[in-house]
Amino acid sequence: MAGKENSHIRKEHMSQSTLTSKGQTTIPREIRKLLGLKENDRILYEVEDGKVTIKPAPAVHELYAIFKPRIRRKGPPPTKAQMRAAVEREIVRRWKKKGV
């Protein structure tokens, strides 16, 4: 019966890679292609119920476009470095909240 419970889940891709002594790994070519990842792209790791999902991180300019209508401040817009720092703080906050 256990097999039937998970029969609705379709595994489109299954690949593996090796973890180095520095904690690094190479994302297999087919996965990079599937996700549209290029050199120097940032990746988000989401951990939920013991499973990890990876996805491309939105670029800083994409995040700014999302939040621009909600930003009500006087003066110059935040720099990319300031926005990146704010996003990183939010990601860390969410990970701590989830106990990661």
PDB file of N, CA and C in Angstrom:
ATOM      1  N   MET A   1       0.823  -1.193   0.000  1.00  0.00           N
ATOM      2  CA  MET A   1       0.000   0.000   0.000  1.00  0.00           C
ATOM      3  C   MET A   1       0.866   1.255   0.000  1.00  0.00           C
ATOM      4  N   ALA A   2       2.050   1.180   0.613  1.00  0.00           N
ATOM      5  CA  ALA A   2       2.920   2.354   0.674  1.00  0.00           C
ATOM      6  C   ALA A   2       3.279   2.822  -0.727  1.00  0.00           C
ATOM      7  N   GLY A   3       3.462   1.923  -1.657  1.00  0.00           N
ATOM      8  CA  GLY A   3       3.788   2.294  -3.024  1.00  0.00           C
ATOM      9  C   GLY A   3       2.665   3.062  -3.689  1.00  0.00           C
ATOM     10  N   LYS A   4       1.433   2.698  -3.385  1.00  0.00           N
ATOM     11  CA  LYS A   4       0.292   3.381  -3.980  1.00  0.00           C
ATOM     12  C   LYS A   4       0.130   4.794  -3.433  1.00  0.00           C
ATOM     13  N   GLU A   5       0.498   5.007  -2.163  1.00  0.00           N
ATOM     14  CA  GLU A   5       0.364   6.329  -1.566  1.00  0.00           C
ATOM     15  C   GLU A   5       1.195   7.357  -2.323  1.00  0.00           C
ATOM     16  N   ASN A   6       2.362   6.963  -2.783  1.00  0.00           N
ATOM     17  CA  ASN A   6       3.255   7.893  -3.461  1.00  0.00           C
ATOM     18  C   ASN A   6       3.191   7.764  -4.975  1.00  0.00           C
ATOM     19  N   SER A   7       2.284   6.949  -5.493  1.00  0.00           N
ATOM     20  CA  SER A   7       2.235   6.723  -6.932  1.00  0.00           C
ATOM     21  C   SER A   7       1.812   7.966  -7.706  1.00  0.00           C
ATOM     22  N   HIS A   8       1.159   8.932  -7.032  1.00  0.00           N
ATOM     23  CA  HIS A   8       0.733  10.147  -7.711  1.00  0.00           C
ATOM     24  C   HIS A   8       1.883  11.148  -7.858  1.00  0.00           C
ATOM     25  N   ILE A   9       2.980  10.911  -7.152  1.00  0.00           N
ATOM     26  CA  ILE A   9       4.136  11.804  -7.236  1.00  0.00           C
ATOM     27  C   ILE A   9       5.006  11.365  -8.400  1.00  0.00           C
ATOM     28  N   ARG A  10       5.237  12.280  -9.322  1.00  0.00           N
ATOM     29  CA  ARG A  10       6.020  11.963 -10.510  1.00  0.00           C
ATOM     30  C   ARG A  10       7.400  12.590 -10.371  1.00  0.00           C
ATOM     31  N   LYS A  11       8.416  11.776 -10.452  1.00  0.00           N
ATOM     32  CA  LYS A  11       9.780  12.283 -10.398  1.00  0.00           C
ATOM     33  C   LYS A  11      10.239  12.520 -11.817  1.00  0.00           C
ATOM     34  N   GLU A  12      10.284  13.798 -12.201  1.00  0.00           N
ATOM     35  CA  GLU A  12      10.676  14.131 -13.560  1.00  0.00           C
ATOM     36  C   GLU A  12      12.171  13.971 -13.766  1.00  0.00           C
ATOM     37  N   HIS A  13      12.960  14.331 -12.758  1.00  0.00           N
ATOM     38  CA  HIS A  13      14.402  14.266 -12.873  1.00  0.00           C
ATOM     39  C   HIS A  13      14.987  13.759 -11.568  1.00  0.00           C
ATOM     40  N   MET A  14      15.933  12.863 -11.673  1.00  0.00           N
ATOM     41  CA  MET A  14      16.674  12.430 -10.499  1.00  0.00           C
ATOM     42  C   MET A  14      18.129  12.374 -10.894  1.00  0.00           C
ATOM     43  N   SER A  15      18.931  13.162 -10.236  1.00  0.00           N
ATOM     44  CA  SER A  15      20.358  13.219 -10.491  1.00  0.00           C
ATOM     45  C   SER A  15      21.068  13.195  -9.157  1.00  0.00           C
ATOM     46  N   GLN A  16      22.365  12.981  -9.218  1.00  0.00           N
ATOM     47  CA  GLN A  16      23.147  13.017  -7.987  1.00  0.00           C
ATOM     48  C   GLN A  16      24.480  13.686  -8.257  1.00  0.00           C
ATOM     49  N   SER A  17      25.090  14.171  -7.177  1.00  0.00           N
ATOM     50  CA  SER A  17      26.416  14.745  -7.255  1.00  0.00           C
ATOM     51  C   SER A  17      27.128  14.437  -5.949  1.00  0.00           C
ATOM     52  N   THR A  18      28.412  14.717  -5.905  1.00  0.00           N
ATOM     53  CA  THR A  18      29.232  14.402  -4.737  1.00  0.00           C
ATOM     54  C   THR A  18      29.517  15.672  -3.950  1.00  0.00           C
ATOM     55  N   LEU A  19      29.500  15.571  -2.634  1.00  0.00           N
ATOM     56  CA  LEU A  19      29.808  16.686  -1.755  1.00  0.00           C
ATOM     57  C   LEU A  19      31.298  16.669  -1.455  1.00  0.00           C
ATOM     58  N   THR A  20      31.983  17.798  -1.664  1.00  0.00           N
ATOM     59  CA  THR A  20      33.418  17.860  -1.402  1.00  0.00           C
ATOM     60  C   THR A  20      33.672  18.096   0.085  1.00  0.00           C
ATOM     61  N   SER A  21      34.930  18.023   0.470  1.00  0.00           N
ATOM     62  CA  SER A  21      35.301  18.261   1.872  1.00  0.00           C
ATOM     63  C   SER A  21      35.003  19.698   2.289  1.00  0.00           C
ATOM     64  N   LYS A  22      34.865  20.610   1.321  1.00  0.00           N
ATOM     65  CA  LYS A  22      34.531  22.007   1.611  1.00  0.00           C
ATOM     66  C   LYS A  22      33.022  22.252   1.608  1.00  0.00           C
ATOM     67  N   GLY A  23      32.234  21.201   1.443  1.00  0.00           N
ATOM     68  CA  GLY A  23      30.788  21.344   1.429  1.00  0.00           C
ATOM     69  C   GLY A  23      30.258  21.832   0.094  1.00  0.00           C
ATOM     70  N   GLN A  24      31.033  21.695  -0.965  1.00  0.00           N
ATOM     71  CA  GLN A  24      30.623  22.146  -2.283  1.00  0.00           C
ATOM     72  C   GLN A  24      30.170  20.975  -3.132  1.00  0.00           C
ATOM     73  N   THR A  25      29.320  21.263  -4.087  1.00  0.00           N
ATOM     74  CA  THR A  25      28.869  20.250  -5.027  1.00  0.00           C
ATOM     75  C   THR A  25      28.626  20.920  -6.376  1.00  0.00           C
ATOM     76  N   THR A  26      28.574  20.134  -7.411  1.00  0.00           N
ATOM     77  CA  THR A  26      28.252  20.642  -8.735  1.00  0.00           C
ATOM     78  C   THR A  26      26.818  20.252  -9.052  1.00  0.00           C
ATOM     79  N   ILE A  27      26.041  21.219  -9.465  1.00  0.00           N
ATOM     80  CA  ILE A  27      24.673  20.920  -9.871  1.00  0.00           C
ATOM     81  C   ILE A  27      24.755  20.312 -11.266  1.00  0.00           C
ATOM     82  N   PRO A  28      24.213  19.119 -11.449  1.00  0.00           N
ATOM     83  CA  PRO A  28      24.312  18.457 -12.756  1.00  0.00           C
ATOM     84  C   PRO A  28      23.793  19.340 -13.897  1.00  0.00           C
ATOM     85  N   ARG A  29      24.412  19.183 -15.050  1.00  0.00           N
ATOM     86  CA  ARG A  29      24.097  19.998 -16.222  1.00  0.00           C
ATOM     87  C   ARG A  29      22.606  20.009 -16.542  1.00  0.00           C
ATOM     88  N   GLU A  30      21.962  18.833 -16.509  1.00  0.00           N
ATOM     89  CA  GLU A  30      20.544  18.784 -16.873  1.00  0.00           C
ATOM     90  C   GLU A  30      19.677  19.563 -15.882  1.00  0.00           C
ATOM     91  N   ILE A  31      20.089  19.604 -14.615  1.00  0.00           N
ATOM     92  CA  ILE A  31      19.343  20.366 -13.611  1.00  0.00           C
ATOM     93  C   ILE A  31      19.581  21.863 -13.822  1.00  0.00           C
ATOM     94  N   ARG A  32      20.838  22.252 -14.091  1.00  0.00           N
ATOM     95  CA  ARG A  32      21.131  23.666 -14.377  1.00  0.00           C
ATOM     96  C   ARG A  32      20.332  24.150 -15.575  1.00  0.00           C
ATOM     97  N   LYS A  33      20.273  23.303 -16.598  1.00  0.00           N
ATOM     98  CA  LYS A  33      19.526  23.664 -17.807  1.00  0.00           C
ATOM     99  C   LYS A  33      18.032  23.775 -17.498  1.00  0.00           C
ATOM    100  N   LEU A  34      17.514  22.818 -16.752  1.00  0.00           N
ATOM    101  CA  LEU A  34      16.104  22.814 -16.382  1.00  0.00           C
ATOM    102  C   LEU A  34      15.716  24.074 -15.603  1.00  0.00           C
ATOM    103  N   LEU A  35      16.606  24.512 -14.699  1.00  0.00           N
ATOM    104  CA  LEU A  35      16.328  25.685 -13.879  1.00  0.00           C
ATOM    105  C   LEU A  35      16.775  26.992 -14.526  1.00  0.00           C
ATOM    106  N   GLY A  36      17.464  26.885 -15.663  1.00  0.00           N
ATOM    107  CA  GLY A  36      17.946  28.085 -16.343  1.00  0.00           C
ATOM    108  C   GLY A  36      19.081  28.765 -15.597  1.00  0.00           C
ATOM    109  N   LEU A  37      19.886  27.982 -14.871  1.00  0.00           N
ATOM    110  CA  LEU A  37      20.982  28.542 -14.085  1.00  0.00           C
ATOM    111  C   LEU A  37      22.211  28.783 -14.945  1.00  0.00           C
ATOM    112  N   LYS A  38      22.850  29.912 -14.684  1.00  0.00           N
ATOM    113  CA  LYS A  38      24.082  30.259 -15.378  1.00  0.00           C
ATOM    114  C   LYS A  38      25.164  30.557 -14.341  1.00  0.00           C
ATOM    115  N   GLU A  39      26.394  30.684 -14.804  1.00  0.00           N
ATOM    116  CA  GLU A  39      27.509  30.983 -13.919  1.00  0.00           C
ATOM    117  C   GLU A  39      27.210  32.231 -13.090  1.00  0.00           C
ATOM    118  N   ASN A  40      27.531  32.156 -11.808  1.00  0.00           N
ATOM    119  CA  ASN A  40      27.351  33.240 -10.826  1.00  0.00           C
ATOM    120  C   ASN A  40      25.904  33.503 -10.428  1.00  0.00           C
ATOM    121  N   ASP A  41      24.947  32.700 -10.900  1.00  0.00           N
ATOM    122  CA  ASP A  41      23.571  32.845 -10.427  1.00  0.00           C
ATOM    123  C   ASP A  41      23.514  32.453  -8.957  1.00  0.00           C
ATOM    124  N   ARG A  42      22.618  33.082  -8.227  1.00  0.00           N
ATOM    125  CA  ARG A  42      22.408  32.733  -6.815  1.00  0.00           C
ATOM    126  C   ARG A  42      21.260  31.728  -6.741  1.00  0.00           C
ATOM    127  N   ILE A  43      21.337  30.866  -5.734  1.00  0.00           N
ATOM    128  CA  ILE A  43      20.364  29.786  -5.586  1.00  0.00           C
ATOM    129  C   ILE A  43      19.734  29.867  -4.203  1.00  0.00           C
ATOM    130  N   LEU A  44      18.442  29.645  -4.140  1.00  0.00           N
ATOM    131  CA  LEU A  44      17.741  29.556  -2.862  1.00  0.00           C
ATOM    132  C   LEU A  44      17.569  28.089  -2.501  1.00  0.00           C
ATOM    133  N   TYR A  45      17.798  27.768  -1.235  1.00  0.00           N
ATOM    134  CA  TYR A  45      17.562  26.427  -0.718  1.00  0.00           C
ATOM    135  C   TYR A  45      16.413  26.532   0.266  1.00  0.00           C
ATOM    136  N   GLU A  46      15.354  25.817   0.032  1.00  0.00           N
ATOM    137  CA  GLU A  46      14.200  25.836   0.925  1.00  0.00           C
ATOM    138  C   GLU A  46      14.090  24.455   1.571  1.00  0.00           C
ATOM    139  N   VAL A  47      14.081  24.428   2.905  1.00  0.00           N
ATOM    140  CA  VAL A  47      13.995  23.171   3.634  1.00  0.00           C
ATOM    141  C   VAL A  47      12.628  23.085   4.294  1.00  0.00           C
ATOM    142  N   GLU A  48      11.910  22.012   3.990  1.00  0.00           N
ATOM    143  CA  GLU A  48      10.585  21.820   4.573  1.00  0.00           C
ATOM    144  C   GLU A  48      10.322  20.330   4.726  1.00  0.00           C
ATOM    145  N   ASP A  49       9.936  19.929   5.908  1.00  0.00           N
ATOM    146  CA  ASP A  49       9.625  18.531   6.201  1.00  0.00           C
ATOM    147  C   ASP A  49      10.759  17.589   5.787  1.00  0.00           C
ATOM    148  N   GLY A  50      11.996  18.004   6.049  1.00  0.00           N
ATOM    149  CA  GLY A  50      13.138  17.152   5.760  1.00  0.00           C
ATOM    150  C   GLY A  50      13.509  17.062   4.290  1.00  0.00           C
ATOM    151  N   LYS A  51      12.893  17.882   3.448  1.00  0.00           N
ATOM    152  CA  LYS A  51      13.194  17.870   2.014  1.00  0.00           C
ATOM    153  C   LYS A  51      13.735  19.237   1.615  1.00  0.00           C
ATOM    154  N   VAL A  52      14.682  19.227   0.687  1.00  0.00           N
ATOM    155  CA  VAL A  52      15.297  20.462   0.226  1.00  0.00           C
ATOM    156  C   VAL A  52      14.869  20.723  -1.213  1.00  0.00           C
ATOM    157  N   THR A  53      14.445  21.943  -1.464  1.00  0.00           N
ATOM    158  CA  THR A  53      14.108  22.386  -2.806  1.00  0.00           C
ATOM    159  C   THR A  53      15.093  23.478  -3.179  1.00  0.00           C
ATOM    160  N   ILE A  54      15.663  23.387  -4.382  1.00  0.00           N
ATOM    161  CA  ILE A  54      16.518  24.473  -4.843  1.00  0.00           C
ATOM    162  C   ILE A  54      15.827  25.181  -5.992  1.00  0.00           C
ATOM    163  N   LYS A  55      16.025  26.488  -6.036  1.00  0.00           N
ATOM    164  CA  LYS A  55      15.462  27.264  -7.132  1.00  0.00           C
ATOM    165  C   LYS A  55      16.308  28.509  -7.330  1.00  0.00           C
ATOM    166  N   PRO A  56      16.266  29.060  -8.528  1.00  0.00           N
ATOM    167  CA  PRO A  56      17.038  30.275  -8.770  1.00  0.00           C
ATOM    168  C   PRO A  56      16.545  31.405  -7.872  1.00  0.00           C
ATOM    169  N   ALA A  57      17.485  32.135  -7.300  1.00  0.00           N
ATOM    170  CA  ALA A  57      17.117  33.293  -6.491  1.00  0.00           C
ATOM    171  C   ALA A  57      16.780  34.445  -7.425  1.00  0.00           C
ATOM    172  N   PRO A  58      15.768  35.214  -7.099  1.00  0.00           N
ATOM    173  CA  PRO A  58      15.465  36.356  -7.959  1.00  0.00           C
ATOM    174  C   PRO A  58      16.609  37.363  -7.909  1.00  0.00           C
ATOM    175  N   ALA A  59      16.863  38.001  -9.026  1.00  0.00           N
ATOM    176  CA  ALA A  59      17.900  39.029  -9.088  1.00  0.00           C
ATOM    177  C   ALA A  59      17.436  40.233  -8.280  1.00  0.00           C
ATOM    178  N   VAL A  60      18.391  41.016  -7.825  1.00  0.00           N
ATOM    179  CA  VAL A  60      18.073  42.175  -7.003  1.00  0.00           C
ATOM    180  C   VAL A  60      17.118  43.122  -7.733  1.00  0.00           C
ATOM    181  N   HIS A  61      17.343  43.350  -9.016  1.00  0.00           N
ATOM    182  CA  HIS A  61      16.462  44.270  -9.743  1.00  0.00           C
ATOM    183  C   HIS A  61      15.041  43.714  -9.861  1.00  0.00           C
ATOM    184  N   GLU A  62      14.898  42.375  -9.885  1.00  0.00           N
ATOM    185  CA  GLU A  62      13.557  41.780  -9.905  1.00  0.00           C
ATOM    186  C   GLU A  62      12.858  42.007  -8.576  1.00  0.00           C
ATOM    187  N   LEU A  63      13.605  41.864  -7.484  1.00  0.00           N
ATOM    188  CA  LEU A  63      13.024  42.099  -6.162  1.00  0.00           C
ATOM    189  C   LEU A  63      12.616  43.558  -6.007  1.00  0.00           C
ATOM    190  N   TYR A  64      13.462  44.443  -6.490  1.00  0.00           N
ATOM    191  CA  TYR A  64      13.131  45.860  -6.388  1.00  0.00           C
ATOM    192  C   TYR A  64      11.848  46.168  -7.150  1.00  0.00           C
ATOM    193  N   ALA A  65      11.709  45.585  -8.334  1.00  0.00           N
ATOM    194  CA  ALA A  65      10.503  45.807  -9.132  1.00  0.00           C
ATOM    195  C   ALA A  65       9.262  45.305  -8.396  1.00  0.00           C
ATOM    196  N   ILE A  66       9.406  44.209  -7.661  1.00  0.00           N
ATOM    197  CA  ILE A  66       8.285  43.648  -6.905  1.00  0.00           C
ATOM    198  C   ILE A  66       7.894  44.584  -5.762  1.00  0.00           C
ATOM    199  N   PHE A  67       8.903  45.090  -5.046  1.00  0.00           N
ATOM    200  CA  PHE A  67       8.629  45.870  -3.846  1.00  0.00           C
ATOM    201  C   PHE A  67       8.534  47.368  -4.080  1.00  0.00           C
ATOM    202  N   LYS A  68       8.903  47.845  -5.257  1.00  0.00           N
ATOM    203  CA  LYS A  68       8.919  49.279  -5.527  1.00  0.00           C
ATOM    204  C   LYS A  68       7.596  49.966  -5.198  1.00  0.00           C
ATOM    205  N   PRO A  69       6.450  49.401  -5.593  1.00  0.00           N
ATOM    206  CA  PRO A  69       5.184  50.082  -5.271  1.00  0.00           C
ATOM    207  C   PRO A  69       4.925  50.192  -3.768  1.00  0.00           C
ATOM    208  N   ARG A  70       5.563  49.363  -2.971  1.00  0.00           N
ATOM    209  CA  ARG A  70       5.320  49.361  -1.526  1.00  0.00           C
ATOM    210  C   ARG A  70       6.321  50.226  -0.766  1.00  0.00           C
ATOM    211  N   ILE A  71       7.357  50.678  -1.447  1.00  0.00           N
ATOM    212  CA  ILE A  71       8.394  51.473  -0.784  1.00  0.00           C
ATOM    213  C   ILE A  71       7.944  52.927  -0.741  1.00  0.00           C
ATOM    214  N   ARG A  72       7.854  53.442   0.456  1.00  0.00           N
ATOM    215  CA  ARG A  72       7.463  54.843   0.630  1.00  0.00           C
ATOM    216  C   ARG A  72       8.576  55.523   1.425  1.00  0.00           C
ATOM    217  N   ARG A  73       9.504  56.066   0.711  1.00  0.00           N
ATOM    218  CA  ARG A  73      10.605  56.730   1.388  1.00  0.00           C
ATOM    219  C   ARG A  73      11.037  57.929   0.575  1.00  0.00           C
ATOM    220  N   LYS A  74      11.613  58.847   1.260  1.00  0.00           N
ATOM    221  CA  LYS A  74      12.133  60.036   0.593  1.00  0.00           C
ATOM    222  C   LYS A  74      13.614  59.826   0.359  1.00  0.00           C
ATOM    223  N   GLY A  75      14.109  60.467  -0.658  1.00  0.00           N
ATOM    224  CA  GLY A  75      15.522  60.357  -0.949  1.00  0.00           C
ATOM    225  C   GLY A  75      15.776  59.324  -2.031  1.00  0.00           C
ATOM    226  N   PRO A  76      17.036  59.015  -2.259  1.00  0.00           N
ATOM    227  CA  PRO A  76      17.388  58.090  -3.334  1.00  0.00           C
ATOM    228  C   PRO A  76      16.949  56.667  -3.007  1.00  0.00           C
ATOM    229  N   PRO A  77      16.715  55.870  -4.040  1.00  0.00           N
ATOM    230  CA  PRO A  77      16.347  54.477  -3.793  1.00  0.00           C
ATOM    231  C   PRO A  77      17.522  53.727  -3.171  1.00  0.00           C
ATOM    232  N   PRO A  78      17.240  52.607  -2.495  1.00  0.00           N
ATOM    233  CA  PRO A  78      18.328  51.834  -1.890  1.00  0.00           C
ATOM    234  C   PRO A  78      19.261  51.293  -2.975  1.00  0.00           C
ATOM    235  N   THR A  79      20.505  51.111  -2.599  1.00  0.00           N
ATOM    236  CA  THR A  79      21.476  50.550  -3.538  1.00  0.00           C
ATOM    237  C   THR A  79      21.251  49.050  -3.653  1.00  0.00           C
ATOM    238  N   LYS A  80      21.845  48.453  -4.678  1.00  0.00           N
ATOM    239  CA  LYS A  80      21.739  47.000  -4.830  1.00  0.00           C
ATOM    240  C   LYS A  80      22.305  46.293  -3.617  1.00  0.00           C
ATOM    241  N   ALA A  81      23.404  46.804  -3.081  1.00  0.00           N
ATOM    242  CA  ALA A  81      24.019  46.187  -1.899  1.00  0.00           C
ATOM    243  C   ALA A  81      23.069  46.241  -0.702  1.00  0.00           C
ATOM    244  N   GLN A  82      22.378  47.368  -0.535  1.00  0.00           N
ATOM    245  CA  GLN A  82      21.423  47.488   0.574  1.00  0.00           C
ATOM    246  C   GLN A  82      20.251  46.533   0.394  1.00  0.00           C
ATOM    247  N   MET A  83      19.752  46.434  -0.838  1.00  0.00           N
ATOM    248  CA  MET A  83      18.637  45.516  -1.094  1.00  0.00           C
ATOM    249  C   MET A  83      19.071  44.066  -0.886  1.00  0.00           C
ATOM    250  N   ARG A  84      20.256  43.720  -1.380  1.00  0.00           N
ATOM    251  CA  ARG A  84      20.759  42.354  -1.212  1.00  0.00           C
ATOM    252  C   ARG A  84      20.908  42.017   0.266  1.00  0.00           C
ATOM    253  N   ALA A  85      21.449  42.948   1.046  1.00  0.00           N
ATOM    254  CA  ALA A  85      21.609  42.728   2.484  1.00  0.00           C
ATOM    255  C   ALA A  85      20.246  42.530   3.155  1.00  0.00           C
ATOM    256  N   ALA A  86      19.253  43.326   2.745  1.00  0.00           N
ATOM    257  CA  ALA A  86      17.915  43.186   3.322  1.00  0.00           C
ATOM    258  C   ALA A  86      17.307  41.837   2.975  1.00  0.00           C
ATOM    259  N   VAL A  87      17.485  41.376   1.735  1.00  0.00           N
ATOM    260  CA  VAL A  87      16.959  40.068   1.323  1.00  0.00           C
ATOM    261  C   VAL A  87      17.658  38.963   2.097  1.00  0.00           C
ATOM    262  N   GLU A  88      18.983  39.063   2.231  1.00  0.00           N
ATOM    263  CA  GLU A  88      19.725  38.033   2.971  1.00  0.00           C
ATOM    264  C   GLU A  88      19.292  37.981   4.429  1.00  0.00           C
ATOM    265  N   ARG A  89      19.066  39.162   5.044  1.00  0.00           N
ATOM    266  CA  ARG A  89      18.576  39.180   6.431  1.00  0.00           C
ATOM    267  C   ARG A  89      17.216  38.506   6.534  1.00  0.00           C
ATOM    268  N   GLU A  90      16.343  38.754   5.561  1.00  0.00           N
ATOM    269  CA  GLU A  90      15.007  38.147   5.575  1.00  0.00           C
ATOM    270  C   GLU A  90      15.088  36.637   5.405  1.00  0.00           C
ATOM    271  N   ILE A  91      15.960  36.167   4.533  1.00  0.00           N
ATOM    272  CA  ILE A  91      16.129  34.723   4.343  1.00  0.00           C
ATOM    273  C   ILE A  91      16.622  34.077   5.631  1.00  0.00           C
ATOM    274  N   VAL A  92      17.628  34.687   6.270  1.00  0.00           N
ATOM    275  CA  VAL A  92      18.145  34.151   7.540  1.00  0.00           C
ATOM    276  C   VAL A  92      17.053  34.147   8.592  1.00  0.00           C
ATOM    277  N   ARG A  93      16.269  35.224   8.653  1.00  0.00           N
ATOM    278  CA  ARG A  93      15.162  35.292   9.625  1.00  0.00           C
ATOM    279  C   ARG A  93      14.171  34.151   9.421  1.00  0.00           C
ATOM    280  N   ARG A  94      13.829  33.896   8.140  1.00  0.00           N
ATOM    281  CA  ARG A  94      12.887  32.825   7.852  1.00  0.00           C
ATOM    282  C   ARG A  94      13.473  31.459   8.185  1.00  0.00           C
ATOM    283  N   TRP A  95      14.767  31.260   7.884  1.00  0.00           N
ATOM    284  CA  TRP A  95      15.405  29.978   8.208  1.00  0.00           C
ATOM    285  C   TRP A  95      15.422  29.758   9.722  1.00  0.00           C
ATOM    286  N   LYS A  96      15.748  30.799  10.465  1.00  0.00           N
ATOM    287  CA  LYS A  96      15.760  30.669  11.940  1.00  0.00           C
ATOM    288  C   LYS A  96      14.366  30.331  12.445  1.00  0.00           C
ATOM    289  N   LYS A  97      13.358  30.973  11.847  1.00  0.00           N
ATOM    290  CA  LYS A  97      11.974  30.718  12.257  1.00  0.00           C
ATOM    291  C   LYS A  97      11.586  29.256  12.021  1.00  0.00           C
ATOM    292  N   LYS A  98      12.109  28.681  10.897  1.00  0.00           N
ATOM    293  CA  LYS A  98      11.811  27.288  10.580  1.00  0.00           C
ATOM    294  C   LYS A  98      12.738  26.325  11.310  1.00  0.00           C
ATOM    295  N   GLY A  99      13.751  26.860  12.013  1.00  0.00           N
ATOM    296  CA  GLY A  99      14.659  25.999  12.743  1.00  0.00           C
ATOM    297  C   GLY A  99      15.744  25.375  11.904  1.00  0.00           C
ATOM    298  N   VAL A 100      16.105  26.027  10.823  1.00  0.00           N
ATOM    299  CA  VAL A 100      17.143  25.494   9.929  1.00  0.00           C
ATOM    300  C   VAL A 100      18.493  25.901  10.422  1.00  0.00           C
TER     301      VAL A 100
END
